């Protein structure tokens, strides 16, 4: 049980589960969490790199899945190297010949499975005396999600800088992107387009 100066109490088990939920998928105060950060991202966008040797969104997401597995394995006492993918920490993506939506969806489902498995294991261990042994790791894996959610959002913003101007058409539902000749698929905001035009204009 945690206490604050006003004598209000917070159940540490519920706090840990709330942190895990908000860091991954529940509505948050701080901004997009890990699941929200990849919402709407295509395989092509997930594979974009800001530079040679830099990680892309796809790899960062799988990195998150791996560490959910790693914390769960430590709690359960599982065998090292039992992650579903060969290797550890970061995994090169996309694999050769697999830059497609099916491969991207499969890895997103892996993240989802690892989160569900971790949460179930955490909920069980929090009901035992062993919980105190793992509290720092449980807080840590939640903060890990938030950290990499921010990294993914930054990669999305960086990607916008490399995108050519799209062609829009008016529809009953609003604007529709008809053509996007650049490498990416996200249009710049109207404010950013005006700002970039001013920068290109002769003095």
N, C-alpha and C. Protein backbone atom coordinates (compact mmCIF):
# COMPACT_ATOMS: atom_id res chain seq x y z
N UNK A 1 0.84 -1.20 0.00
CA UNK A 1 0.00 0.00 0.00
C UNK A 1 0.88 1.25 0.00
N UNK A 2 0.60 2.17 -0.91
CA UNK A 2 1.35 3.41 -0.97
C UNK A 2 0.58 4.53 -0.27
N UNK A 3 1.32 5.45 0.38
CA UNK A 3 0.67 6.55 1.08
C UNK A 3 1.26 7.88 0.63
N UNK A 4 0.43 8.89 0.54
CA UNK A 4 0.89 10.24 0.24
C UNK A 4 0.69 11.10 1.48
N UNK A 5 1.24 12.32 1.51
CA UNK A 5 1.14 13.15 2.72
C UNK A 5 -0.28 13.41 3.20
N UNK A 6 -1.24 13.39 2.30
CA UNK A 6 -2.63 13.66 2.69
C UNK A 6 -3.31 12.40 3.25
N UNK A 7 -2.53 11.32 3.42
CA UNK A 7 -3.04 10.06 3.97
C UNK A 7 -3.95 9.31 3.02
N UNK A 8 -4.09 9.78 1.79
CA UNK A 8 -4.82 8.99 0.81
C UNK A 8 -4.00 7.76 0.49
N UNK A 9 -4.65 6.65 0.20
CA UNK A 9 -3.91 5.42 -0.06
C UNK A 9 -4.17 4.95 -1.49
N UNK A 10 -3.16 4.30 -2.07
CA UNK A 10 -3.26 3.75 -3.41
C UNK A 10 -2.82 2.30 -3.34
N UNK A 11 -3.64 1.41 -3.82
CA UNK A 11 -3.28 0.01 -3.85
C UNK A 11 -2.21 -0.20 -4.92
N UNK A 12 -1.04 -0.68 -4.52
CA UNK A 12 0.07 -0.79 -5.47
C UNK A 12 -0.22 -1.77 -6.59
N UNK A 13 -0.96 -2.83 -6.32
CA UNK A 13 -1.29 -3.80 -7.37
C UNK A 13 -2.15 -3.15 -8.45
N UNK A 14 -3.17 -2.42 -8.02
CA UNK A 14 -4.03 -1.75 -8.99
C UNK A 14 -3.28 -0.66 -9.75
N UNK A 15 -2.34 0.01 -9.05
CA UNK A 15 -1.55 1.03 -9.70
C UNK A 15 -0.68 0.44 -10.80
N UNK A 16 -0.05 -0.70 -10.53
CA UNK A 16 0.79 -1.35 -11.53
C UNK A 16 -0.04 -1.73 -12.76
N UNK A 17 -1.19 -2.32 -12.54
CA UNK A 17 -2.04 -2.72 -13.67
C UNK A 17 -2.52 -1.50 -14.45
N UNK A 18 -2.85 -0.42 -13.73
CA UNK A 18 -3.28 0.80 -14.41
C UNK A 18 -2.15 1.38 -15.25
N UNK A 19 -0.92 1.34 -14.74
CA UNK A 19 0.23 1.83 -15.50
C UNK A 19 0.44 1.00 -16.76
N UNK A 20 0.36 -0.31 -16.64
CA UNK A 20 0.52 -1.19 -17.81
C UNK A 20 -0.55 -0.91 -18.85
N UNK A 21 -1.79 -0.75 -18.39
CA UNK A 21 -2.90 -0.51 -19.31
C UNK A 21 -2.76 0.82 -20.04
N UNK A 22 -2.45 1.88 -19.28
CA UNK A 22 -2.36 3.21 -19.89
C UNK A 22 -1.14 3.33 -20.80
N UNK A 23 -0.05 2.70 -20.43
CA UNK A 23 1.15 2.79 -21.25
C UNK A 23 0.98 2.07 -22.58
N UNK A 24 0.09 1.09 -22.60
CA UNK A 24 -0.09 0.32 -23.84
C UNK A 24 -1.34 0.72 -24.63
N UNK A 25 -2.49 0.84 -23.97
CA UNK A 25 -3.71 0.99 -24.77
C UNK A 25 -4.81 1.87 -24.20
N UNK A 26 -4.89 2.05 -22.89
CA UNK A 26 -6.00 2.80 -22.33
C UNK A 26 -5.81 4.31 -22.54
N UNK A 27 -6.91 5.04 -22.42
CA UNK A 27 -6.87 6.50 -22.58
C UNK A 27 -5.89 7.10 -21.59
N UNK A 28 -5.05 8.01 -22.07
CA UNK A 28 -3.99 8.56 -21.23
C UNK A 28 -4.07 10.07 -21.13
N UNK A 29 -3.46 10.58 -20.07
CA UNK A 29 -3.37 12.03 -19.88
C UNK A 29 -2.20 12.59 -20.68
N UNK A 30 -1.12 11.85 -20.80
CA UNK A 30 0.13 12.38 -21.36
C UNK A 30 0.16 12.42 -22.88
N UNK A 31 -0.71 11.68 -23.55
CA UNK A 31 -0.67 11.63 -25.01
C UNK A 31 -0.72 10.19 -25.50
N UNK A 32 -0.41 9.95 -26.78
CA UNK A 32 -0.52 8.60 -27.34
C UNK A 32 0.37 7.59 -26.60
N UNK A 33 -0.21 6.42 -26.33
CA UNK A 33 0.58 5.33 -25.75
C UNK A 33 1.11 4.45 -26.89
N UNK A 34 1.66 3.29 -26.56
CA UNK A 34 2.31 2.48 -27.60
C UNK A 34 1.35 2.02 -28.68
N UNK A 35 0.22 1.50 -28.29
CA UNK A 35 -0.74 1.02 -29.29
C UNK A 35 -1.29 2.18 -30.13
N UNK A 36 -1.57 3.29 -29.47
CA UNK A 36 -2.08 4.45 -30.20
C UNK A 36 -1.04 5.03 -31.15
N UNK A 37 0.23 4.91 -30.79
CA UNK A 37 1.29 5.50 -31.61
C UNK A 37 1.44 4.82 -32.96
N UNK A 38 1.03 3.55 -33.07
CA UNK A 38 1.14 2.84 -34.35
C UNK A 38 -0.19 2.78 -35.09
N UNK A 39 -1.22 3.38 -34.52
CA UNK A 39 -2.52 3.36 -35.16
C UNK A 39 -2.46 4.08 -36.51
N UNK A 40 -2.97 3.44 -37.54
CA UNK A 40 -3.01 4.05 -38.87
C UNK A 40 -1.71 3.96 -39.63
N UNK A 41 -0.68 3.37 -39.06
CA UNK A 41 0.61 3.26 -39.74
C UNK A 41 0.57 2.09 -40.72
N UNK A 42 0.99 2.30 -41.94
CA UNK A 42 1.05 1.24 -42.94
C UNK A 42 2.39 0.52 -42.87
N UNK A 43 2.48 -0.60 -43.55
CA UNK A 43 3.74 -1.35 -43.58
C UNK A 43 4.86 -0.50 -44.18
N UNK A 44 4.54 0.24 -45.22
CA UNK A 44 5.55 1.08 -45.87
C UNK A 44 6.05 2.16 -44.91
N UNK A 45 5.15 2.75 -44.19
CA UNK A 45 5.53 3.77 -43.22
C UNK A 45 6.32 3.16 -42.07
N UNK A 46 5.90 1.98 -41.62
CA UNK A 46 6.58 1.32 -40.51
C UNK A 46 8.00 0.94 -40.87
N UNK A 47 8.27 0.76 -42.16
CA UNK A 47 9.61 0.34 -42.62
C UNK A 47 10.54 1.52 -42.89
N UNK A 48 10.02 2.74 -42.88
CA UNK A 48 10.84 3.93 -43.20
C UNK A 48 11.89 4.17 -42.12
N UNK A 49 13.10 4.50 -42.55
CA UNK A 49 14.20 4.78 -41.62
C UNK A 49 14.65 6.23 -41.77
N UNK A 50 14.97 6.88 -40.67
CA UNK A 50 15.45 8.26 -40.75
C UNK A 50 16.88 8.36 -41.26
N UNK A 51 17.58 7.23 -41.34
CA UNK A 51 18.95 7.22 -41.83
C UNK A 51 19.49 5.81 -41.83
N UNK A 52 20.59 5.57 -42.52
CA UNK A 52 21.18 4.23 -42.55
C UNK A 52 21.52 3.73 -41.14
N UNK A 53 21.14 2.51 -40.87
CA UNK A 53 21.45 1.93 -39.57
C UNK A 53 20.53 2.35 -38.44
N UNK A 54 19.57 3.21 -38.73
CA UNK A 54 18.62 3.66 -37.69
C UNK A 54 17.42 2.73 -37.64
N UNK A 55 16.83 2.60 -36.47
CA UNK A 55 15.65 1.75 -36.33
C UNK A 55 14.42 2.43 -36.92
N UNK A 56 13.52 1.61 -37.42
CA UNK A 56 12.26 2.10 -37.94
C UNK A 56 11.13 1.79 -36.95
N UNK A 57 9.93 2.24 -37.26
CA UNK A 57 8.78 2.04 -36.38
C UNK A 57 8.52 0.55 -36.16
N UNK A 58 8.64 -0.21 -37.21
CA UNK A 58 8.39 -1.66 -37.14
C UNK A 58 9.31 -2.30 -36.11
N UNK A 59 10.60 -1.97 -36.17
CA UNK A 59 11.58 -2.56 -35.26
C UNK A 59 11.38 -2.09 -33.82
N UNK A 60 11.03 -0.83 -33.65
CA UNK A 60 10.78 -0.30 -32.31
C UNK A 60 9.59 -1.01 -31.68
N UNK A 61 8.55 -1.25 -32.48
CA UNK A 61 7.36 -1.94 -31.97
C UNK A 61 7.71 -3.35 -31.52
N UNK A 62 8.48 -4.08 -32.34
CA UNK A 62 8.86 -5.45 -31.96
C UNK A 62 9.79 -5.46 -30.75
N UNK A 63 10.60 -4.43 -30.63
CA UNK A 63 11.44 -4.28 -29.45
C UNK A 63 10.57 -4.21 -28.19
N UNK A 64 9.47 -3.49 -28.28
CA UNK A 64 8.53 -3.42 -27.17
C UNK A 64 7.92 -4.78 -26.85
N UNK A 65 7.57 -5.52 -27.90
CA UNK A 65 7.01 -6.86 -27.70
C UNK A 65 8.01 -7.78 -27.02
N UNK A 66 9.28 -7.68 -27.43
CA UNK A 66 10.30 -8.54 -26.86
C UNK A 66 10.46 -8.30 -25.35
N UNK A 67 10.48 -7.04 -24.93
CA UNK A 67 10.70 -6.77 -23.51
C UNK A 67 9.49 -7.09 -22.66
N UNK A 68 8.31 -7.10 -23.25
CA UNK A 68 7.14 -7.61 -22.53
C UNK A 68 7.34 -9.11 -22.26
N UNK A 69 7.81 -9.80 -23.28
CA UNK A 69 8.13 -11.23 -23.11
C UNK A 69 9.21 -11.42 -22.05
N UNK A 70 10.27 -10.61 -22.11
CA UNK A 70 11.41 -10.79 -21.21
C UNK A 70 11.00 -10.63 -19.75
N UNK A 71 10.18 -9.62 -19.46
CA UNK A 71 9.72 -9.42 -18.08
C UNK A 71 8.82 -10.57 -17.65
N UNK A 72 7.94 -11.00 -18.55
CA UNK A 72 7.06 -12.13 -18.22
C UNK A 72 7.88 -13.40 -17.96
N UNK A 73 8.89 -13.64 -18.77
CA UNK A 73 9.73 -14.84 -18.59
C UNK A 73 10.42 -14.82 -17.23
N UNK A 74 10.90 -13.64 -16.82
CA UNK A 74 11.57 -13.54 -15.52
C UNK A 74 10.61 -13.85 -14.38
N UNK A 75 9.37 -13.37 -14.52
CA UNK A 75 8.39 -13.63 -13.46
C UNK A 75 8.03 -15.11 -13.42
N UNK A 76 7.83 -15.71 -14.58
CA UNK A 76 7.40 -17.10 -14.66
C UNK A 76 8.56 -18.09 -14.49
N UNK A 77 9.79 -17.59 -14.60
CA UNK A 77 10.93 -18.48 -14.52
C UNK A 77 11.11 -19.32 -15.77
N UNK A 78 10.70 -18.76 -16.92
CA UNK A 78 10.78 -19.50 -18.18
C UNK A 78 12.20 -19.60 -18.72
N UNK A 79 12.32 -20.39 -19.75
CA UNK A 79 13.62 -20.63 -20.37
C UNK A 79 14.05 -19.44 -21.21
N UNK A 80 15.32 -19.06 -21.10
CA UNK A 80 15.86 -18.00 -21.93
C UNK A 80 15.83 -18.42 -23.39
N UNK A 81 15.61 -17.44 -24.27
CA UNK A 81 15.60 -17.75 -25.69
C UNK A 81 14.30 -18.37 -26.18
N UNK A 82 13.23 -18.25 -25.39
CA UNK A 82 11.96 -18.87 -25.78
C UNK A 82 11.03 -17.90 -26.51
N UNK A 83 11.53 -16.71 -26.84
CA UNK A 83 10.70 -15.76 -27.59
C UNK A 83 10.36 -16.37 -28.95
N UNK A 84 9.20 -16.02 -29.47
CA UNK A 84 8.73 -16.63 -30.71
C UNK A 84 9.62 -16.30 -31.91
N UNK A 85 10.34 -15.17 -31.85
CA UNK A 85 11.26 -14.81 -32.92
C UNK A 85 12.69 -15.15 -32.52
N UNK A 86 13.49 -15.51 -33.49
CA UNK A 86 14.89 -15.83 -33.21
C UNK A 86 15.66 -14.54 -32.94
N UNK A 87 16.42 -14.53 -31.85
CA UNK A 87 17.19 -13.35 -31.51
C UNK A 87 16.68 -12.70 -30.24
N UNK A 88 17.10 -11.46 -30.03
CA UNK A 88 16.68 -10.73 -28.84
C UNK A 88 16.77 -9.23 -29.09
N UNK A 89 16.04 -8.48 -28.28
CA UNK A 89 16.09 -7.02 -28.26
C UNK A 89 15.53 -6.36 -29.52
N UNK A 90 16.32 -6.26 -30.58
CA UNK A 90 15.83 -5.68 -31.84
C UNK A 90 15.87 -6.73 -32.95
N UNK A 91 14.88 -6.64 -33.85
CA UNK A 91 14.73 -7.61 -34.93
C UNK A 91 14.62 -6.85 -36.24
N UNK A 92 15.51 -7.11 -37.21
CA UNK A 92 15.46 -6.38 -38.48
C UNK A 92 14.12 -6.58 -39.19
N UNK A 93 13.51 -5.48 -39.54
CA UNK A 93 12.24 -5.49 -40.25
C UNK A 93 12.21 -4.38 -41.29
N UNK A 94 11.56 -4.60 -42.43
CA UNK A 94 10.90 -5.86 -42.80
C UNK A 94 11.90 -6.92 -43.21
N UNK A 95 11.49 -8.18 -43.09
CA UNK A 95 12.34 -9.26 -43.57
C UNK A 95 12.36 -9.23 -45.10
N UNK A 96 13.39 -9.77 -45.72
CA UNK A 96 13.48 -9.76 -47.19
C UNK A 96 12.21 -10.32 -47.84
N UNK A 97 11.67 -9.56 -48.75
CA UNK A 97 10.48 -9.98 -49.47
C UNK A 97 9.18 -9.88 -48.69
N UNK A 98 9.22 -9.27 -47.51
CA UNK A 98 8.01 -9.20 -46.68
C UNK A 98 7.62 -7.78 -46.31
N UNK A 99 7.86 -6.85 -47.21
CA UNK A 99 7.38 -5.48 -47.00
C UNK A 99 5.94 -5.43 -47.47
N UNK A 100 5.05 -5.93 -46.65
CA UNK A 100 3.64 -5.98 -47.01
C UNK A 100 2.78 -5.87 -45.76
N UNK A 101 1.51 -5.60 -45.95
CA UNK A 101 0.60 -5.39 -44.83
C UNK A 101 0.40 -6.65 -44.00
N UNK A 102 0.44 -7.81 -44.65
CA UNK A 102 0.22 -9.06 -43.92
C UNK A 102 1.33 -9.27 -42.88
N UNK A 103 2.58 -9.02 -43.26
CA UNK A 103 3.70 -9.19 -42.32
C UNK A 103 3.62 -8.16 -41.20
N UNK A 104 3.25 -6.95 -41.54
CA UNK A 104 3.11 -5.88 -40.53
C UNK A 104 2.00 -6.23 -39.55
N UNK A 105 0.86 -6.71 -40.05
CA UNK A 105 -0.25 -7.10 -39.17
C UNK A 105 0.17 -8.24 -38.25
N UNK A 106 0.91 -9.20 -38.78
CA UNK A 106 1.34 -10.35 -37.98
C UNK A 106 2.21 -9.90 -36.80
N UNK A 107 3.09 -8.94 -37.03
CA UNK A 107 3.95 -8.47 -35.94
C UNK A 107 3.18 -7.60 -34.95
N UNK A 108 2.18 -6.88 -35.43
CA UNK A 108 1.33 -6.13 -34.50
C UNK A 108 0.54 -7.08 -33.61
N UNK A 109 0.11 -8.21 -34.19
CA UNK A 109 -0.61 -9.20 -33.38
C UNK A 109 0.32 -9.84 -32.35
N UNK A 110 1.59 -9.98 -32.71
CA UNK A 110 2.57 -10.50 -31.75
C UNK A 110 2.70 -9.56 -30.56
N UNK A 111 2.78 -8.27 -30.82
CA UNK A 111 2.82 -7.28 -29.74
C UNK A 111 1.60 -7.41 -28.85
N UNK A 112 0.44 -7.54 -29.46
CA UNK A 112 -0.80 -7.67 -28.71
C UNK A 112 -0.79 -8.92 -27.83
N UNK A 113 -0.35 -10.04 -28.39
CA UNK A 113 -0.31 -11.29 -27.61
C UNK A 113 0.65 -11.18 -26.43
N UNK A 114 1.81 -10.58 -26.67
CA UNK A 114 2.79 -10.46 -25.59
C UNK A 114 2.28 -9.54 -24.48
N UNK A 115 1.56 -8.50 -24.86
CA UNK A 115 1.01 -7.62 -23.83
C UNK A 115 -0.04 -8.36 -23.00
N UNK A 116 -0.94 -9.09 -23.66
CA UNK A 116 -1.99 -9.81 -22.94
C UNK A 116 -1.37 -10.86 -22.00
N UNK A 117 -0.36 -11.56 -22.51
CA UNK A 117 0.29 -12.59 -21.68
C UNK A 117 0.99 -11.96 -20.48
N UNK A 118 1.67 -10.83 -20.71
CA UNK A 118 2.35 -10.13 -19.61
C UNK A 118 1.35 -9.67 -18.57
N UNK A 119 0.27 -9.06 -19.02
CA UNK A 119 -0.71 -8.52 -18.06
C UNK A 119 -1.31 -9.62 -17.21
N UNK A 120 -1.61 -10.76 -17.83
CA UNK A 120 -2.17 -11.88 -17.07
C UNK A 120 -1.18 -12.38 -16.02
N UNK A 121 0.08 -12.51 -16.42
CA UNK A 121 1.11 -12.96 -15.49
C UNK A 121 1.30 -11.95 -14.35
N UNK A 122 1.28 -10.67 -14.69
CA UNK A 122 1.44 -9.63 -13.66
C UNK A 122 0.27 -9.66 -12.68
N UNK A 123 -0.94 -9.78 -13.20
CA UNK A 123 -2.11 -9.81 -12.32
C UNK A 123 -2.02 -10.98 -11.34
N UNK A 124 -1.47 -12.10 -11.80
CA UNK A 124 -1.35 -13.27 -10.93
C UNK A 124 -0.26 -13.08 -9.88
N UNK A 125 0.90 -12.57 -10.29
CA UNK A 125 2.00 -12.44 -9.33
C UNK A 125 1.73 -11.35 -8.30
N UNK A 126 0.92 -10.35 -8.67
CA UNK A 126 0.61 -9.28 -7.72
C UNK A 126 -0.23 -9.77 -6.55
N UNK A 127 -0.79 -10.95 -6.68
CA UNK A 127 -1.58 -11.52 -5.58
C UNK A 127 -0.73 -12.40 -4.66
N UNK A 128 0.59 -12.39 -4.90
CA UNK A 128 1.48 -13.24 -4.12
C UNK A 128 2.55 -12.39 -3.42
N UNK A 129 3.23 -12.96 -2.43
CA UNK A 129 4.32 -12.23 -1.75
C UNK A 129 5.50 -11.93 -2.67
N UNK A 130 5.58 -12.61 -3.81
CA UNK A 130 6.69 -12.39 -4.74
C UNK A 130 6.59 -11.05 -5.45
N UNK A 131 5.45 -10.39 -5.37
CA UNK A 131 5.20 -9.17 -6.14
C UNK A 131 6.26 -8.10 -5.89
N UNK A 132 6.64 -7.92 -4.62
CA UNK A 132 7.59 -6.85 -4.29
C UNK A 132 8.92 -7.02 -5.02
N UNK A 133 9.28 -8.25 -5.31
CA UNK A 133 10.55 -8.53 -6.00
C UNK A 133 10.56 -7.97 -7.41
N UNK A 134 9.37 -7.86 -8.03
CA UNK A 134 9.29 -7.48 -9.44
C UNK A 134 8.75 -6.07 -9.69
N UNK A 135 8.44 -5.33 -8.62
CA UNK A 135 7.77 -4.04 -8.82
C UNK A 135 8.56 -3.09 -9.72
N UNK A 136 9.86 -2.98 -9.51
CA UNK A 136 10.65 -2.07 -10.34
C UNK A 136 10.61 -2.46 -11.81
N UNK A 137 10.65 -3.75 -12.08
CA UNK A 137 10.57 -4.21 -13.47
C UNK A 137 9.20 -3.95 -14.06
N UNK A 138 8.16 -4.06 -13.25
CA UNK A 138 6.80 -3.83 -13.75
C UNK A 138 6.58 -2.36 -14.05
N UNK A 139 7.05 -1.47 -13.17
CA UNK A 139 6.99 -0.05 -13.49
C UNK A 139 7.83 0.22 -14.75
N UNK A 140 8.98 -0.41 -14.79
CA UNK A 140 9.90 -0.17 -15.90
C UNK A 140 9.34 -0.56 -17.24
N UNK A 141 8.64 -1.70 -17.32
CA UNK A 141 8.12 -2.14 -18.62
C UNK A 141 6.97 -1.22 -19.07
N UNK A 142 6.25 -0.64 -18.12
CA UNK A 142 5.21 0.34 -18.48
C UNK A 142 5.86 1.62 -19.02
N UNK A 143 6.88 2.11 -18.31
CA UNK A 143 7.58 3.32 -18.78
C UNK A 143 8.27 3.07 -20.12
N UNK A 144 8.70 1.84 -20.34
CA UNK A 144 9.33 1.45 -21.60
C UNK A 144 8.37 1.65 -22.77
N UNK A 145 7.12 1.26 -22.58
CA UNK A 145 6.09 1.48 -23.61
C UNK A 145 5.93 2.96 -23.92
N UNK A 146 5.86 3.77 -22.87
CA UNK A 146 5.65 5.21 -23.06
C UNK A 146 6.85 5.84 -23.77
N UNK A 147 8.04 5.45 -23.36
CA UNK A 147 9.26 5.98 -24.00
C UNK A 147 9.26 5.70 -25.49
N UNK A 148 8.98 4.46 -25.87
CA UNK A 148 9.03 4.11 -27.28
C UNK A 148 7.81 4.61 -28.06
N UNK A 149 6.70 4.84 -27.36
CA UNK A 149 5.56 5.49 -28.03
C UNK A 149 5.98 6.88 -28.49
N UNK A 150 6.70 7.60 -27.61
CA UNK A 150 7.21 8.92 -27.99
C UNK A 150 8.20 8.84 -29.13
N UNK A 151 9.04 7.82 -29.12
CA UNK A 151 10.01 7.64 -30.20
C UNK A 151 9.30 7.40 -31.54
N UNK A 152 8.25 6.61 -31.50
CA UNK A 152 7.49 6.33 -32.73
C UNK A 152 6.82 7.60 -33.24
N UNK A 153 6.27 8.39 -32.33
CA UNK A 153 5.65 9.65 -32.76
C UNK A 153 6.69 10.57 -33.39
N UNK A 154 7.89 10.57 -32.84
CA UNK A 154 8.96 11.38 -33.41
C UNK A 154 9.34 10.88 -34.80
N UNK A 155 9.41 9.56 -34.98
CA UNK A 155 9.71 9.00 -36.30
C UNK A 155 8.62 9.39 -37.31
N UNK A 156 7.38 9.41 -36.87
CA UNK A 156 6.30 9.82 -37.76
C UNK A 156 6.46 11.27 -38.19
N UNK A 157 6.85 12.12 -37.26
CA UNK A 157 7.06 13.53 -37.59
C UNK A 157 8.25 13.69 -38.54
N UNK A 158 9.33 12.98 -38.28
CA UNK A 158 10.49 13.05 -39.16
C UNK A 158 10.14 12.60 -40.57
N UNK A 159 9.31 11.58 -40.65
CA UNK A 159 8.91 11.07 -41.95
C UNK A 159 8.18 12.12 -42.78
N UNK A 160 7.39 12.93 -42.11
CA UNK A 160 6.64 13.98 -42.81
C UNK A 160 7.56 14.92 -43.58
N UNK A 161 8.76 15.10 -43.08
CA UNK A 161 9.71 16.01 -43.73
C UNK A 161 10.17 15.48 -45.08
N UNK A 162 9.99 14.20 -45.31
CA UNK A 162 10.47 13.57 -46.53
C UNK A 162 9.35 13.31 -47.54
N UNK A 163 8.18 13.78 -47.22
CA UNK A 163 7.04 13.45 -48.07
C UNK A 163 6.77 14.57 -49.07
N UNK A 164 6.54 14.21 -50.30
CA UNK A 164 6.20 15.19 -51.34
C UNK A 164 4.76 15.65 -51.17
N UNK A 165 4.45 16.77 -51.81
CA UNK A 165 3.10 17.33 -51.70
C UNK A 165 2.08 16.38 -52.34
N UNK A 166 1.01 16.04 -51.63
CA UNK A 166 -0.02 15.20 -52.21
C UNK A 166 -1.02 16.01 -53.04
N UNK A 167 -1.82 15.31 -53.80
CA UNK A 167 -2.89 15.95 -54.58
C UNK A 167 -4.20 15.59 -53.90
N UNK A 168 -4.98 16.62 -53.54
CA UNK A 168 -6.23 16.41 -52.83
C UNK A 168 -7.43 16.75 -53.72
N UNK A 169 -8.54 16.12 -53.42
CA UNK A 169 -9.81 16.46 -54.06
C UNK A 169 -10.86 16.60 -52.97
N UNK A 170 -11.83 17.50 -53.19
CA UNK A 170 -12.88 17.70 -52.21
C UNK A 170 -13.93 16.60 -52.36
N UNK A 171 -14.37 16.04 -51.24
CA UNK A 171 -15.44 15.05 -51.25
C UNK A 171 -16.48 15.47 -50.24
N UNK A 172 -17.61 14.76 -50.23
CA UNK A 172 -18.67 15.09 -49.28
C UNK A 172 -18.20 14.90 -47.83
N UNK A 173 -17.26 13.98 -47.65
CA UNK A 173 -16.76 13.70 -46.31
C UNK A 173 -15.56 14.57 -45.95
N UNK A 174 -15.09 15.37 -46.88
CA UNK A 174 -13.90 16.18 -46.61
C UNK A 174 -12.89 15.99 -47.73
N UNK A 175 -11.61 16.23 -47.44
CA UNK A 175 -10.58 16.10 -48.44
C UNK A 175 -10.15 14.65 -48.59
N UNK A 176 -9.88 14.25 -49.82
CA UNK A 176 -9.41 12.90 -50.10
C UNK A 176 -8.09 12.97 -50.85
N UNK A 177 -7.11 12.19 -50.40
CA UNK A 177 -5.81 12.18 -51.06
C UNK A 177 -5.89 11.28 -52.28
N UNK A 178 -5.73 11.88 -53.48
CA UNK A 178 -5.81 11.12 -54.73
C UNK A 178 -4.46 10.60 -55.18
N UNK A 179 -3.41 11.35 -54.89
CA UNK A 179 -2.10 10.97 -55.38
C UNK A 179 -1.05 11.42 -54.38
N UNK A 180 -0.06 10.58 -54.18
CA UNK A 180 1.02 10.95 -53.27
C UNK A 180 2.32 10.44 -53.88
N UNK A 181 3.01 11.26 -54.66
CA UNK A 181 4.17 10.80 -55.41
C UNK A 181 5.40 10.53 -54.57
N UNK A 182 5.41 10.95 -53.29
CA UNK A 182 6.61 10.77 -52.47
C UNK A 182 6.73 9.37 -51.93
N UNK A 183 7.78 9.14 -51.14
CA UNK A 183 8.04 7.83 -50.58
C UNK A 183 7.05 7.49 -49.47
N UNK A 184 6.55 8.47 -48.78
CA UNK A 184 5.63 8.22 -47.68
C UNK A 184 4.19 8.37 -48.12
N UNK A 185 3.30 8.40 -47.13
CA UNK A 185 1.88 8.49 -47.45
C UNK A 185 1.14 9.50 -46.59
N UNK A 186 1.83 10.21 -45.71
CA UNK A 186 1.16 11.19 -44.86
C UNK A 186 1.30 12.59 -45.43
N UNK A 187 0.21 13.33 -45.62
CA UNK A 187 0.32 14.71 -46.09
C UNK A 187 0.78 15.64 -44.98
N UNK A 188 1.41 16.72 -45.37
CA UNK A 188 1.73 17.77 -44.40
C UNK A 188 0.44 18.48 -44.02
N UNK A 189 0.42 19.05 -42.86
CA UNK A 189 -0.73 19.84 -42.45
C UNK A 189 -0.76 21.12 -43.27
N UNK A 190 -1.93 21.78 -43.41
CA UNK A 190 -1.99 23.06 -44.14
C UNK A 190 -1.02 24.09 -43.58
N UNK A 191 -0.89 24.14 -42.25
CA UNK A 191 0.04 25.10 -41.64
C UNK A 191 1.47 24.81 -42.07
N UNK A 192 1.85 23.55 -42.07
CA UNK A 192 3.22 23.19 -42.45
C UNK A 192 3.45 23.46 -43.93
N UNK A 193 2.45 23.21 -44.78
CA UNK A 193 2.62 23.47 -46.22
C UNK A 193 2.85 24.96 -46.47
N UNK A 194 2.08 25.82 -45.76
CA UNK A 194 2.26 27.26 -45.94
C UNK A 194 3.64 27.70 -45.47
N UNK A 195 4.08 27.15 -44.34
CA UNK A 195 5.38 27.50 -43.81
C UNK A 195 6.51 27.06 -44.76
N UNK A 196 6.37 25.85 -45.32
CA UNK A 196 7.39 25.37 -46.23
C UNK A 196 7.43 26.18 -47.52
N UNK A 197 6.25 26.65 -47.97
CA UNK A 197 6.20 27.48 -49.18
C UNK A 197 6.91 28.80 -48.94
N UNK A 198 6.73 29.37 -47.72
CA UNK A 198 7.42 30.63 -47.42
C UNK A 198 8.94 30.45 -47.40
N UNK A 199 9.37 29.30 -46.90
CA UNK A 199 10.80 29.03 -46.87
C UNK A 199 11.39 28.91 -48.26
N UNK A 200 10.60 28.36 -49.21
CA UNK A 200 11.10 28.17 -50.58
C UNK A 200 11.00 29.43 -51.42
N UNK A 201 10.17 30.38 -50.96
CA UNK A 201 9.97 31.59 -51.74
C UNK A 201 11.25 32.46 -51.72
N UNK A 202 11.61 33.09 -52.88
CA UNK A 202 12.79 33.96 -52.91
C UNK A 202 12.57 35.18 -52.04
N UNK A 203 13.64 35.66 -51.43
CA UNK A 203 13.56 36.84 -50.55
C UNK A 203 13.24 38.10 -51.33
